Amino acid sequence: GWINRNRIFSNGHIVPITVPLAKGRELLPIFERQLAVDFSGDKILRQLRGAYSQAPGWKEVETLVDSIFQRGHRNLFDFLFESLSSTAQLLEIDTPLIPSSKISLEEGAGGQGRVLGICSALEATVYVNPIRGRHLYDLEAFQEQGISLEFISSSPRSVPRKESALPGTMVPDDLNRLSILDVIACVGLEK
């Protein structure tokens, strides 16, 4: 899955970046997964530096990523939560981030039932999900709980790049599915 992976744009190509995980059962919950023992973040920092060191927002990206890696998290959930929290803080997004493990839910609830339980516990009236997850949810089940089910679909946006960096075969939508680090690096924090 994508829980420990993302993509950046480097030397005219979309390149994966991966946080390696320790071996574990395939269905191990995220909060029980550990990062690989030998993971330090150096490889990812080198990849980012190679891709963006000349970009306007590189210093912000470097500072953000370096501070996350220096925390020394070994647990995947802790690493991801730190990454999201730090990125939101950098972008001045003040929406509270609440781990679902901190919400009292019915034992064994999963999928749509878990989402409905979280919405109920937080007294949500609207649930928004990416458009590609449309098949996962039943509109009537949400309506019965008094929750509006909505889906978000992003529109292609262009991030400024040197024209010579874009291969002729690149599909514009490909560039919209990159890490937020790509946007911050390419346009700078102010934009």
Protein backbone atom coordinates (compact mmCIF):
# COMPACT_ATOMS: atom_id res chain seq x y z
CA GLY A 1 0.00 0.00 0.00
CA TRP A 2 0.82 3.69 0.08
CA ILE A 3 0.95 4.04 3.85
CA ASN A 4 4.78 4.07 3.83
CA ARG A 5 5.34 5.28 0.26
CA ASN A 6 4.97 8.42 -1.79
CA ARG A 7 6.25 9.89 -5.02
CA ILE A 8 8.40 12.85 -6.04
CA PHE A 9 9.51 14.33 -9.36
CA SER A 10 13.22 13.99 -10.05
CA ASN A 11 15.23 14.45 -13.25
CA GLY A 12 12.16 14.28 -15.47
CA HIS A 13 10.71 11.18 -13.82
CA ILE A 14 8.24 10.29 -11.11
CA VAL A 15 10.30 8.49 -8.46
CA PRO A 16 9.04 6.53 -5.44
CA ILE A 17 10.22 7.32 -1.92
CA THR A 18 9.72 4.58 0.65
CA VAL A 19 10.05 4.35 4.40
CA PRO A 20 11.14 0.72 4.88
CA LEU A 21 9.21 -1.39 7.37
CA ALA A 22 10.33 -4.17 9.67
CA LYS A 23 9.03 -7.58 8.67
CA GLY A 24 5.65 -8.42 10.16
CA ARG A 25 2.35 -10.15 9.47
CA GLU A 26 0.70 -8.85 6.31
CA LEU A 27 -2.45 -7.73 8.13
CA LEU A 28 -0.64 -6.16 11.08
CA PRO A 29 -2.42 -2.90 12.07
CA ILE A 30 -0.56 0.33 11.32
CA PHE A 31 -0.14 1.17 15.01
CA GLU A 32 1.71 -2.14 15.52
CA ARG A 33 4.05 -1.79 12.54
CA GLN A 34 7.65 -0.78 13.11
CA LEU A 35 10.12 0.96 10.83
CA ALA A 36 13.04 -1.13 9.61
CA VAL A 37 15.82 -1.25 12.19
CA ASP A 38 18.35 0.26 9.79
CA PHE A 39 16.09 3.13 8.63
CA SER A 40 17.60 6.54 9.27
CA GLY A 41 16.02 8.73 6.61
CA ASP A 42 19.37 9.47 4.93
CA LYS A 43 18.36 7.84 1.64
CA ILE A 44 15.12 9.82 1.45
CA LEU A 45 16.93 13.06 2.30
CA ARG A 46 19.43 12.35 -0.52
CA GLN A 47 16.56 11.67 -2.94
CA LEU A 48 14.83 14.90 -1.95
CA ARG A 49 18.06 16.90 -2.11
CA GLY A 50 18.81 15.54 -5.59
CA ALA A 51 15.32 16.40 -6.80
CA TYR A 52 14.74 19.79 -5.17
CA SER A 53 17.96 21.40 -3.91
CA GLN A 54 17.64 24.18 -6.51
CA ALA A 55 13.89 24.67 -5.96
CA PRO A 56 12.54 27.84 -4.27
CA GLY A 57 11.09 25.99 -1.27
CA TRP A 58 13.89 23.48 -0.74
CA LYS A 59 15.04 24.90 2.62
CA GLU A 60 11.54 24.55 4.12
CA VAL A 61 11.28 20.97 2.87
CA GLU A 62 14.75 20.08 4.11
CA THR A 63 14.08 21.54 7.57
CA LEU A 64 10.69 19.79 7.82
CA VAL A 65 11.89 16.35 6.73
CA ASP A 66 15.11 16.54 8.72
CA SER A 67 13.21 17.43 11.91
CA ILE A 68 10.81 14.50 11.42
CA PHE A 69 13.62 12.01 10.84
CA GLN A 70 15.62 13.32 13.81
CA ARG A 71 12.74 12.46 16.18
CA GLY A 72 13.88 8.85 15.85
CA HIS A 73 10.41 7.26 15.71
CA ARG A 74 10.56 3.48 15.32
CA ASN A 75 6.78 2.97 15.22
CA LEU A 76 5.13 3.59 11.81
CA PHE A 77 2.05 5.27 13.26
CA ASP A 78 4.11 7.64 15.41
CA PHE A 79 6.27 8.49 12.38
CA LEU A 80 3.22 9.14 10.16
CA PHE A 81 1.40 11.18 12.81
CA GLU A 82 4.52 13.30 13.38
CA SER A 83 4.85 13.79 9.61
CA LEU A 84 1.23 14.90 9.20
CA SER A 85 1.27 17.12 12.30
CA SER A 86 4.54 18.81 11.32
CA THR A 87 3.41 19.38 7.74
CA ALA A 88 0.07 20.82 8.89
CA GLN A 89 1.88 23.12 11.32
CA LEU A 90 4.28 24.29 8.58
CA LEU A 91 1.32 25.05 6.31
CA GLU A 92 -0.51 26.77 9.20
CA ILE A 93 -3.39 24.29 9.08
CA ASP A 94 -4.90 24.21 12.55
CA THR A 95 -7.41 21.40 12.09
CA PRO A 96 -7.04 19.05 15.07
CA LEU A 97 -5.62 15.63 14.18
CA ILE A 98 -7.15 12.91 16.35
CA PRO A 99 -5.92 9.32 16.11
CA SER A 100 -8.90 6.98 15.78
CA SER A 101 -7.32 4.86 18.53
CA LYS A 102 -8.16 7.72 20.92
CA ILE A 103 -11.86 7.46 20.05
CA SER A 104 -14.05 4.97 21.88
CA LEU A 105 -15.44 2.65 19.19
CA GLU A 106 -17.40 -0.59 19.14
CA GLU A 107 -15.07 -3.59 19.32
CA GLY A 108 -14.38 -5.14 15.92
CA ALA A 109 -15.87 -2.31 13.86
CA GLY A 110 -14.14 -2.04 10.52
CA GLY A 111 -14.54 -0.36 7.16
CA GLN A 112 -17.72 1.66 6.81
CA GLY A 113 -18.85 0.73 10.34
CA ARG A 114 -15.63 2.14 11.78
CA VAL A 115 -16.01 5.37 9.78
CA LEU A 116 -19.61 5.75 10.94
CA GLY A 117 -18.52 5.09 14.54
CA ILE A 118 -15.84 7.77 14.31
CA CYS A 119 -18.30 10.24 12.76
CA SER A 120 -20.81 9.51 15.52
CA ALA A 121 -18.23 9.87 18.31
CA LEU A 122 -17.10 13.21 16.91
CA GLU A 123 -20.68 14.35 16.24
CA ALA A 124 -19.83 14.84 12.57
CA THR A 125 -22.58 15.85 10.16
CA VAL A 126 -20.44 15.50 7.01
CA TYR A 127 -17.92 12.86 5.95
CA VAL A 128 -15.65 13.66 2.98
CA ASN A 129 -13.63 10.93 1.27
CA PRO A 130 -11.46 10.92 -1.88
CA ILE A 131 -13.49 10.09 -5.00
CA ARG A 132 -11.67 6.81 -5.61
CA GLY A 133 -13.19 5.42 -2.41
CA ARG A 134 -16.76 5.90 -3.62
CA HIS A 135 -17.31 2.13 -3.89
CA LEU A 136 -16.47 1.65 -0.20
CA TYR A 137 -19.52 3.41 1.24
CA ASP A 138 -23.30 3.10 1.17
CA LEU A 139 -25.00 6.51 0.95
CA GLU A 140 -28.14 5.27 2.75
CA ALA A 141 -26.15 4.04 5.76
CA PHE A 142 -24.71 7.54 6.22
CA GLN A 143 -28.09 9.22 5.68
CA GLU A 144 -29.64 6.97 8.35
CA GLN A 145 -27.05 8.35 10.81
CA GLY A 146 -27.74 11.94 9.73
CA ILE A 147 -24.33 12.25 8.06
CA SER A 148 -23.83 13.74 4.61
CA LEU A 149 -21.46 11.57 2.54
CA GLU A 150 -19.41 13.60 0.08
CA PHE A 151 -16.49 12.87 -2.22
CA ILE A 152 -13.69 15.14 -3.27
CA SER A 153 -11.97 15.04 -6.62
CA SER A 154 -9.00 17.28 -7.23
CA SER A 155 -8.61 19.28 -10.40
CA PRO A 156 -5.28 19.19 -12.24
CA ARG A 157 -3.06 22.05 -11.14
CA SER A 158 0.27 22.87 -12.54
CA VAL A 159 3.31 23.28 -10.33
CA PRO A 160 5.94 25.50 -11.97
CA ARG A 161 8.84 23.49 -13.36
CA LYS A 162 11.52 24.00 -15.93
CA GLU A 163 9.95 22.96 -19.24
CA SER A 164 13.05 20.94 -20.07
CA ALA A 165 12.38 18.79 -17.00
CA LEU A 166 9.06 17.50 -18.35
CA PRO A 167 9.17 14.52 -20.70
CA GLY A 168 6.74 14.69 -23.65
CA THR A 169 4.99 11.52 -22.48
CA MET A 170 4.14 12.91 -19.03
CA VAL A 171 0.41 12.92 -18.31
CA PRO A 172 -0.48 16.14 -16.42
CA ASP A 173 -2.53 14.18 -13.86
CA ASP A 174 0.62 12.18 -12.95
CA LEU A 175 2.14 15.36 -11.53
CA ASN A 176 -0.90 15.85 -9.27
CA ARG A 177 -0.26 12.60 -7.48
CA LEU A 178 3.02 13.55 -5.87
CA SER A 179 3.98 14.24 -2.27
CA ILE A 180 3.03 17.58 -0.74
CA LEU A 181 6.80 17.99 -0.39
CA ASP A 182 6.92 18.43 -4.18
CA VAL A 183 4.51 21.36 -4.06
CA ILE A 184 6.26 23.04 -1.12
CA ALA A 185 9.66 22.66 -2.78
CA CYS A 186 8.53 23.87 -6.20
CA VAL A 187 6.50 26.92 -5.22
CA GLY A 188 7.86 27.81 -1.79
CA LEU A 189 5.98 28.10 1.46
CA GLU A 190 4.46 31.54 0.83
CA LYS A 191 2.67 30.37 -2.32
